[in-house]
Amino acid sequence: MKTATITEKGQISIPSSMRKEKGFRTGEKVVIISYANRIEIRPASNFIKALKEASVNEKALSKHWNTKEDEEAWKNL
């Protein structure tokens, strides 16, 4: 665990050891995700790739699972 100080502009510096460990590079875009009890910072390239894969998988699966029979079977659960 490391600490950082928030500047007047709301900026922080991610410690270099953590940047190296997690693969963050200078100038790289990041995604900032706010949860109820924490904030996550992820490399944008990894996040966008994961979203695309999830979207493709959902579309592929919906061809087999998104049927009237499935909707009827699951509607009362």
PDB file of N, CA and C in Angstrom:
ATOM      1  N   MET A   1       0.849  -1.170   0.000  1.00  0.00           N
ATOM      2  CA  MET A   1       0.000   0.000   0.000  1.00  0.00           C
ATOM      3  C   MET A   1       0.895   1.233   0.000  1.00  0.00           C
ATOM      4  N   LYS A   2       0.511   2.205  -0.793  1.00  0.00           N
ATOM      5  CA  LYS A   2       1.219   3.480  -0.870  1.00  0.00           C
ATOM      6  C   LYS A   2       0.202   4.596  -0.657  1.00  0.00           C
ATOM      7  N   THR A   3       0.684   5.783  -0.354  1.00  0.00           N
ATOM      8  CA  THR A   3      -0.197   6.940  -0.216  1.00  0.00           C
ATOM      9  C   THR A   3       0.169   7.969  -1.276  1.00  0.00           C
ATOM     10  N   ALA A   4      -0.795   8.830  -1.582  1.00  0.00           N
ATOM     11  CA  ALA A   4      -0.581   9.935  -2.520  1.00  0.00           C
ATOM     12  C   ALA A   4      -1.333  11.141  -1.986  1.00  0.00           C
ATOM     13  N   THR A   5      -0.890  12.312  -2.368  1.00  0.00           N
ATOM     14  CA  THR A   5      -1.538  13.559  -1.950  1.00  0.00           C
ATOM     15  C   THR A   5      -2.268  14.161  -3.136  1.00  0.00           C
ATOM     16  N   ILE A   6      -3.486  14.600  -2.910  1.00  0.00           N
ATOM     17  CA  ILE A   6      -4.280  15.221  -3.961  1.00  0.00           C
ATOM     18  C   ILE A   6      -3.920  16.706  -4.022  1.00  0.00           C
ATOM     19  N   THR A   7      -3.581  17.192  -5.229  1.00  0.00           N
ATOM     20  CA  THR A   7      -3.220  18.599  -5.399  1.00  0.00           C
ATOM     21  C   THR A   7      -4.478  19.455  -5.474  1.00  0.00           C
ATOM     22  N   GLU A   8      -4.295  20.780  -5.517  1.00  0.00           N
ATOM     23  CA  GLU A   8      -5.432  21.701  -5.651  1.00  0.00           C
ATOM     24  C   GLU A   8      -6.227  21.433  -6.922  1.00  0.00           C
ATOM     25  N   LYS A   9      -5.562  20.938  -7.957  1.00  0.00           N
ATOM     26  CA  LYS A   9      -6.229  20.620  -9.223  1.00  0.00           C
ATOM     27  C   LYS A   9      -6.873  19.239  -9.215  1.00  0.00           C
ATOM     28  N   GLY A  10      -6.782  18.521  -8.112  1.00  0.00           N
ATOM     29  CA  GLY A  10      -7.357  17.187  -8.016  1.00  0.00           C
ATOM     30  C   GLY A  10      -6.469  16.106  -8.602  1.00  0.00           C
ATOM     31  N   GLN A  11      -5.200  16.398  -8.801  1.00  0.00           N
ATOM     32  CA  GLN A  11      -4.275  15.436  -9.385  1.00  0.00           C
ATOM     33  C   GLN A  11      -3.564  14.631  -8.308  1.00  0.00           C
ATOM     34  N   ILE A  12      -3.210  13.403  -8.672  1.00  0.00           N
ATOM     35  CA  ILE A  12      -2.370  12.569  -7.812  1.00  0.00           C
ATOM     36  C   ILE A  12      -1.261  11.975  -8.670  1.00  0.00           C
ATOM     37  N   SER A  13      -0.212  11.514  -8.042  1.00  0.00           N
ATOM     38  CA  SER A  13       0.846  10.773  -8.730  1.00  0.00           C
ATOM     39  C   SER A  13       0.785   9.333  -8.269  1.00  0.00           C
ATOM     40  N   ILE A  14       0.734   8.428  -9.229  1.00  0.00           N
ATOM     41  CA  ILE A  14       0.781   7.008  -8.900  1.00  0.00           C
ATOM     42  C   ILE A  14       2.251   6.666  -8.673  1.00  0.00           C
ATOM     43  N   PRO A  15       2.588   6.090  -7.529  1.00  0.00           N
ATOM     44  CA  PRO A  15       3.991   5.771  -7.260  1.00  0.00           C
ATOM     45  C   PRO A  15       4.616   4.946  -8.396  1.00  0.00           C
ATOM     46  N   SER A  16       5.870   5.252  -8.721  1.00  0.00           N
ATOM     47  CA  SER A  16       6.530   4.606  -9.855  1.00  0.00           C
ATOM     48  C   SER A  16       6.583   3.087  -9.719  1.00  0.00           C
ATOM     49  N   SER A  17       6.772   2.595  -8.512  1.00  0.00           N
ATOM     50  CA  SER A  17       6.824   1.134  -8.329  1.00  0.00           C
ATOM     51  C   SER A  17       5.495   0.485  -8.729  1.00  0.00           C
ATOM     52  N   MET A  18       4.384   1.149  -8.426  1.00  0.00           N
ATOM     53  CA  MET A  18       3.067   0.617  -8.787  1.00  0.00           C
ATOM     54  C   MET A  18       2.814   0.750 -10.289  1.00  0.00           C
ATOM     55  N   ARG A  19       3.247   1.874 -10.878  1.00  0.00           N
ATOM     56  CA  ARG A  19       3.098   2.051 -12.330  1.00  0.00           C
ATOM     57  C   ARG A  19       3.842   0.941 -13.068  1.00  0.00           C
ATOM     58  N   LYS A  20       5.063   0.664 -12.638  1.00  0.00           N
ATOM     59  CA  LYS A  20       5.858  -0.384 -13.287  1.00  0.00           C
ATOM     60  C   LYS A  20       5.221  -1.755 -13.084  1.00  0.00           C
ATOM     61  N   GLU A  21       4.802  -2.024 -11.857  1.00  0.00           N
ATOM     62  CA  GLU A  21       4.210  -3.330 -11.530  1.00  0.00           C
ATOM     63  C   GLU A  21       2.948  -3.596 -12.338  1.00  0.00           C
ATOM     64  N   LYS A  22       2.133  -2.562 -12.529  1.00  0.00           N
ATOM     65  CA  LYS A  22       0.840  -2.729 -13.202  1.00  0.00           C
ATOM     66  C   LYS A  22       0.880  -2.381 -14.683  1.00  0.00           C
ATOM     67  N   GLY A  23       2.027  -1.910 -15.174  1.00  0.00           N
ATOM     68  CA  GLY A  23       2.174  -1.672 -16.607  1.00  0.00           C
ATOM     69  C   GLY A  23       1.650  -0.343 -17.112  1.00  0.00           C
ATOM     70  N   PHE A  24       1.500   0.649 -16.248  1.00  0.00           N
ATOM     71  CA  PHE A  24       1.082   1.978 -16.701  1.00  0.00           C
ATOM     72  C   PHE A  24       2.279   2.677 -17.344  1.00  0.00           C
ATOM     73  N   ARG A  25       2.056   3.317 -18.502  1.00  0.00           N
ATOM     74  CA  ARG A  25       3.122   4.018 -19.202  1.00  0.00           C
ATOM     75  C   ARG A  25       2.835   5.516 -19.264  1.00  0.00           C
ATOM     76  N   THR A  26       3.882   6.312 -19.334  1.00  0.00           N
ATOM     77  CA  THR A  26       3.751   7.763 -19.431  1.00  0.00           C
ATOM     78  C   THR A  26       2.906   8.128 -20.649  1.00  0.00           C
ATOM     79  N   GLY A  27       1.941   9.006 -20.461  1.00  0.00           N
ATOM     80  CA  GLY A  27       1.081   9.473 -21.545  1.00  0.00           C
ATOM     81  C   GLY A  27      -0.082   8.561 -21.871  1.00  0.00           C
ATOM     82  N   GLU A  28      -0.154   7.426 -21.212  1.00  0.00           N
ATOM     83  CA  GLU A  28      -1.218   6.459 -21.483  1.00  0.00           C
ATOM     84  C   GLU A  28      -2.557   6.960 -20.927  1.00  0.00           C
ATOM     85  N   LYS A  29      -3.632   6.708 -21.651  1.00  0.00           N
ATOM     86  CA  LYS A  29      -4.979   7.035 -21.177  1.00  0.00           C
ATOM     87  C   LYS A  29      -5.394   6.000 -20.132  1.00  0.00           C
ATOM     88  N   VAL A  30      -6.133   6.457 -19.128  1.00  0.00           N
ATOM     89  CA  VAL A  30      -6.644   5.565 -18.095  1.00  0.00           C
ATOM     90  C   VAL A  30      -8.151   5.722 -17.979  1.00  0.00           C
ATOM     91  N   VAL A  31      -8.779   4.710 -17.431  1.00  0.00           N
ATOM     92  CA  VAL A  31     -10.200   4.730 -17.123  1.00  0.00           C
ATOM     93  C   VAL A  31     -10.312   4.806 -15.610  1.00  0.00           C
ATOM     94  N   ILE A  32     -11.145   5.721 -15.125  1.00  0.00           N
ATOM     95  CA  ILE A  32     -11.353   5.880 -13.687  1.00  0.00           C
ATOM     96  C   ILE A  32     -12.785   5.444 -13.388  1.00  0.00           C
ATOM     97  N   ILE A  33     -12.918   4.444 -12.528  1.00  0.00           N
ATOM     98  CA  ILE A  33     -14.226   3.873 -12.208  1.00  0.00           C
ATOM     99  C   ILE A  33     -14.528   4.143 -10.739  1.00  0.00           C
ATOM    100  N   SER A  34     -15.693   4.717 -10.483  1.00  0.00           N
ATOM    101  CA  SER A  34     -16.109   5.046  -9.122  1.00  0.00           C
ATOM    102  C   SER A  34     -17.107   4.014  -8.617  1.00  0.00           C
ATOM    103  N   TYR A  35     -16.792   3.405  -7.489  1.00  0.00           N
ATOM    104  CA  TYR A  35     -17.678   2.468  -6.807  1.00  0.00           C
ATOM    105  C   TYR A  35     -18.132   3.122  -5.496  1.00  0.00           C
ATOM    106  N   ALA A  36     -19.032   2.476  -4.787  1.00  0.00           N
ATOM    107  CA  ALA A  36     -19.552   3.034  -3.540  1.00  0.00           C
ATOM    108  C   ALA A  36     -18.442   3.271  -2.513  1.00  0.00           C
ATOM    109  N   ASN A  37     -17.450   2.375  -2.475  1.00  0.00           N
ATOM    110  CA  ASN A  37     -16.436   2.471  -1.427  1.00  0.00           C
ATOM    111  C   ASN A  37     -14.998   2.591  -1.937  1.00  0.00           C
ATOM    112  N   ARG A  38     -14.809   2.794  -3.251  1.00  0.00           N
ATOM    113  CA  ARG A  38     -13.445   2.902  -3.783  1.00  0.00           C
ATOM    114  C   ARG A  38     -13.459   3.499  -5.190  1.00  0.00           C
ATOM    115  N   ILE A  39     -12.284   3.855  -5.658  1.00  0.00           N
ATOM    116  CA  ILE A  39     -12.076   4.312  -7.031  1.00  0.00           C
ATOM    117  C   ILE A  39     -11.003   3.416  -7.628  1.00  0.00           C
ATOM    118  N   GLU A  40     -11.211   2.967  -8.860  1.00  0.00           N
ATOM    119  CA  GLU A  40     -10.213   2.152  -9.559  1.00  0.00           C
ATOM    120  C   GLU A  40      -9.678   2.923 -10.745  1.00  0.00           C
ATOM    121  N   ILE A  41      -8.392   2.770 -11.000  1.00  0.00           N
ATOM    122  CA  ILE A  41      -7.747   3.353 -12.170  1.00  0.00           C
ATOM    123  C   ILE A  41      -7.193   2.192 -12.979  1.00  0.00           C
ATOM    124  N   ARG A  42      -7.625   2.099 -14.247  1.00  0.00           N
ATOM    125  CA  ARG A  42      -7.184   1.006 -15.108  1.00  0.00           C
ATOM    126  C   ARG A  42      -6.658   1.577 -16.423  1.00  0.00           C
ATOM    127  N   PRO A  43      -5.693   0.898 -17.042  1.00  0.00           N
ATOM    128  CA  PRO A  43      -5.277   1.334 -18.377  1.00  0.00           C
ATOM    129  C   PRO A  43      -6.470   1.275 -19.332  1.00  0.00           C
ATOM    130  N   ALA A  44      -6.705   2.319 -20.083  1.00  0.00           N
ATOM    131  CA  ALA A  44      -7.865   2.377 -20.978  1.00  0.00           C
ATOM    132  C   ALA A  44      -7.825   1.260 -22.010  1.00  0.00           C
ATOM    133  N   SER A  45      -6.636   0.944 -22.517  1.00  0.00           N
ATOM    134  CA  SER A  45      -6.536  -0.098 -23.548  1.00  0.00           C
ATOM    135  C   SER A  45      -7.029  -1.437 -23.029  1.00  0.00           C
ATOM    136  N   ASN A  46      -6.673  -1.804 -21.806  1.00  0.00           N
ATOM    137  CA  ASN A  46      -7.135  -3.070 -21.217  1.00  0.00           C
ATOM    138  C   ASN A  46      -8.633  -3.058 -20.993  1.00  0.00           C
ATOM    139  N   PHE A  47      -9.153  -1.935 -20.524  1.00  0.00           N
ATOM    140  CA  PHE A  47     -10.566  -1.828 -20.208  1.00  0.00           C
ATOM    141  C   PHE A  47     -11.412  -1.902 -21.474  1.00  0.00           C
ATOM    142  N   ILE A  48     -11.012  -1.172 -22.503  1.00  0.00           N
ATOM    143  CA  ILE A  48     -11.759  -1.164 -23.768  1.00  0.00           C
ATOM    144  C   ILE A  48     -11.737  -2.551 -24.400  1.00  0.00           C
ATOM    145  N   LYS A  49     -10.596  -3.222 -24.346  1.00  0.00           N
ATOM    146  CA  LYS A  49     -10.489  -4.584 -24.880  1.00  0.00           C
ATOM    147  C   LYS A  49     -11.450  -5.519 -24.150  1.00  0.00           C
ATOM    148  N   ALA A  50     -11.505  -5.422 -22.825  1.00  0.00           N
ATOM    149  CA  ALA A  50     -12.400  -6.276 -22.030  1.00  0.00           C
ATOM    150  C   ALA A  50     -13.860  -5.991 -22.360  1.00  0.00           C
ATOM    151  N   LEU A  51     -14.209  -4.724 -22.552  1.00  0.00           N
ATOM    152  CA  LEU A  51     -15.584  -4.374 -22.916  1.00  0.00           C
ATOM    153  C   LEU A  51     -15.965  -4.947 -24.273  1.00  0.00           C
ATOM    154  N   LYS A  52     -15.053  -4.842 -25.228  1.00  0.00           N
ATOM    155  CA  LYS A  52     -15.321  -5.386 -26.568  1.00  0.00           C
ATOM    156  C   LYS A  52     -15.515  -6.889 -26.500  1.00  0.00           C
ATOM    157  N   GLU A  53     -14.661  -7.578 -25.743  1.00  0.00           N
ATOM    158  CA  GLU A  53     -14.780  -9.032 -25.616  1.00  0.00           C
ATOM    159  C   GLU A  53     -16.095  -9.417 -24.954  1.00  0.00           C
ATOM    160  N   ALA A  54     -16.494  -8.678 -23.936  1.00  0.00           N
ATOM    161  CA  ALA A  54     -17.760  -8.970 -23.251  1.00  0.00           C
ATOM    162  C   ALA A  54     -18.932  -8.754 -24.189  1.00  0.00           C
ATOM    163  N   SER A  55     -18.872  -7.704 -24.976  1.00  0.00           N
ATOM    164  CA  SER A  55     -19.945  -7.402 -25.928  1.00  0.00           C
ATOM    165  C   SER A  55     -20.059  -8.495 -26.983  1.00  0.00           C
ATOM    166  N   VAL A  56     -18.930  -8.908 -27.513  1.00  0.00           N
ATOM    167  CA  VAL A  56     -18.929  -9.962 -28.531  1.00  0.00           C
ATOM    168  C   VAL A  56     -19.465 -11.254 -27.935  1.00  0.00           C
ATOM    169  N   ASN A  57     -19.027 -11.595 -26.732  1.00  0.00           N
ATOM    170  CA  ASN A  57     -19.483 -12.832 -26.098  1.00  0.00           C
ATOM    171  C   ASN A  57     -20.979 -12.788 -25.831  1.00  0.00           C
ATOM    172  N   GLU A  58     -21.477 -11.638 -25.372  1.00  0.00           N
ATOM    173  CA  GLU A  58     -22.908 -11.516 -25.089  1.00  0.00           C
ATOM    174  C   GLU A  58     -23.722 -11.686 -26.366  1.00  0.00           C
ATOM    175  N   LYS A  59     -23.271 -11.069 -27.455  1.00  0.00           N
ATOM    176  CA  LYS A  59     -23.981 -11.201 -28.727  1.00  0.00           C
ATOM    177  C   LYS A  59     -23.976 -12.643 -29.205  1.00  0.00           C
ATOM    178  N   ALA A  60     -22.840 -13.299 -29.092  1.00  0.00           N
ATOM    179  CA  ALA A  60     -22.732 -14.686 -29.532  1.00  0.00           C
ATOM    180  C   ALA A  60     -23.630 -15.590 -28.700  1.00  0.00           C
ATOM    181  N   LEU A  61     -23.605 -15.399 -27.393  1.00  0.00           N
ATOM    182  CA  LEU A  61     -24.418 -16.240 -26.509  1.00  0.00           C
ATOM    183  C   LEU A  61     -25.904 -15.971 -26.669  1.00  0.00           C
ATOM    184  N   SER A  62     -26.262 -14.729 -26.941  1.00  0.00           N
ATOM    185  CA  SER A  62     -27.688 -14.392 -27.038  1.00  0.00           C
ATOM    186  C   SER A  62     -28.360 -15.110 -28.197  1.00  0.00           C
ATOM    187  N   LYS A  63     -27.589 -15.492 -29.219  1.00  0.00           N
ATOM    188  CA  LYS A  63     -28.170 -16.238 -30.338  1.00  0.00           C
ATOM    189  C   LYS A  63     -28.729 -17.569 -29.857  1.00  0.00           C
ATOM    190  N   HIS A  64     -28.087 -18.162 -28.863  1.00  0.00           N
ATOM    191  CA  HIS A  64     -28.502 -19.468 -28.369  1.00  0.00           C
ATOM    192  C   HIS A  64     -29.394 -19.384 -27.126  1.00  0.00           C
ATOM    193  N   TRP A  65     -29.222 -18.330 -26.334  1.00  0.00           N
ATOM    194  CA  TRP A  65     -29.917 -18.260 -25.056  1.00  0.00           C
ATOM    195  C   TRP A  65     -31.067 -17.272 -25.017  1.00  0.00           C
ATOM    196  N   ASN A  66     -31.181 -16.420 -25.958  1.00  0.00           N
ATOM    197  CA  ASN A  66     -32.212 -15.395 -25.926  1.00  0.00           C
ATOM    198  C   ASN A  66     -33.414 -15.841 -26.754  1.00  0.00           C
ATOM    199  N   THR A  67     -34.091 -16.852 -26.245  1.00  0.00           N
ATOM    200  CA  THR A  67     -35.243 -17.403 -26.957  1.00  0.00           C
ATOM    201  C   THR A  67     -36.499 -17.211 -26.120  1.00  0.00           C
ATOM    202  N   LYS A  68     -37.657 -17.381 -26.740  1.00  0.00           N
ATOM    203  CA  LYS A  68     -38.923 -17.277 -26.015  1.00  0.00           C
ATOM    204  C   LYS A  68     -38.995 -18.322 -24.902  1.00  0.00           C
ATOM    205  N   GLU A  69     -38.473 -19.518 -25.186  1.00  0.00           N
ATOM    206  CA  GLU A  69     -38.491 -20.588 -24.190  1.00  0.00           C
ATOM    207  C   GLU A  69     -37.652 -20.214 -22.964  1.00  0.00           C
ATOM    208  N   ASP A  70     -36.485 -19.626 -23.202  1.00  0.00           N
ATOM    209  CA  ASP A  70     -35.642 -19.199 -22.090  1.00  0.00           C
ATOM    210  C   ASP A  70     -36.307 -18.104 -21.277  1.00  0.00           C
ATOM    211  N   GLU A  71     -36.881 -17.128 -21.946  1.00  0.00           N
ATOM    212  CA  GLU A  71     -37.567 -16.030 -21.247  1.00  0.00           C
ATOM    213  C   GLU A  71     -38.686 -16.577 -20.374  1.00  0.00           C
ATOM    214  N   GLU A  72     -39.444 -17.525 -20.891  1.00  0.00           N
ATOM    215  CA  GLU A  72     -40.541 -18.122 -20.141  1.00  0.00           C
ATOM    216  C   GLU A  72     -40.007 -18.900 -18.928  1.00  0.00           C
ATOM    217  N   ALA A  73     -38.923 -19.635 -19.114  1.00  0.00           N
ATOM    218  CA  ALA A  73     -38.356 -20.446 -18.039  1.00  0.00           C
ATOM    219  C   ALA A  73     -37.795 -19.578 -16.916  1.00  0.00           C
ATOM    220  N   TRP A  74     -37.260 -18.408 -17.232  1.00  0.00           N
ATOM    221  CA  TRP A  74     -36.593 -17.583 -16.240  1.00  0.00           C
ATOM    222  C   TRP A  74     -37.470 -16.468 -15.660  1.00  0.00           C
ATOM    223  N   LYS A  75     -38.609 -16.195 -16.216  1.00  0.00           N
ATOM    224  CA  LYS A  75     -39.366 -15.005 -15.833  1.00  0.00           C
ATOM    225  C   LYS A  75     -39.847 -14.991 -14.384  1.00  0.00           C
ATOM    226  N   ASN A  76     -40.044 -16.122 -13.758  1.00  0.00           N
ATOM    227  CA  ASN A  76     -40.550 -16.156 -12.382  1.00  0.00           C
ATOM    228  C   ASN A  76     -39.452 -16.401 -11.342  1.00  0.00           C
ATOM    229  N   LEU A  77     -38.216 -16.414 -11.757  1.00  0.00           N
ATOM    230  CA  LEU A  77     -37.126 -16.675 -10.800  1.00  0.00           C
ATOM    231  C   LEU A  77     -36.686 -15.414 -10.102  1.00  0.00           C
TER     232      LEU A  77
END
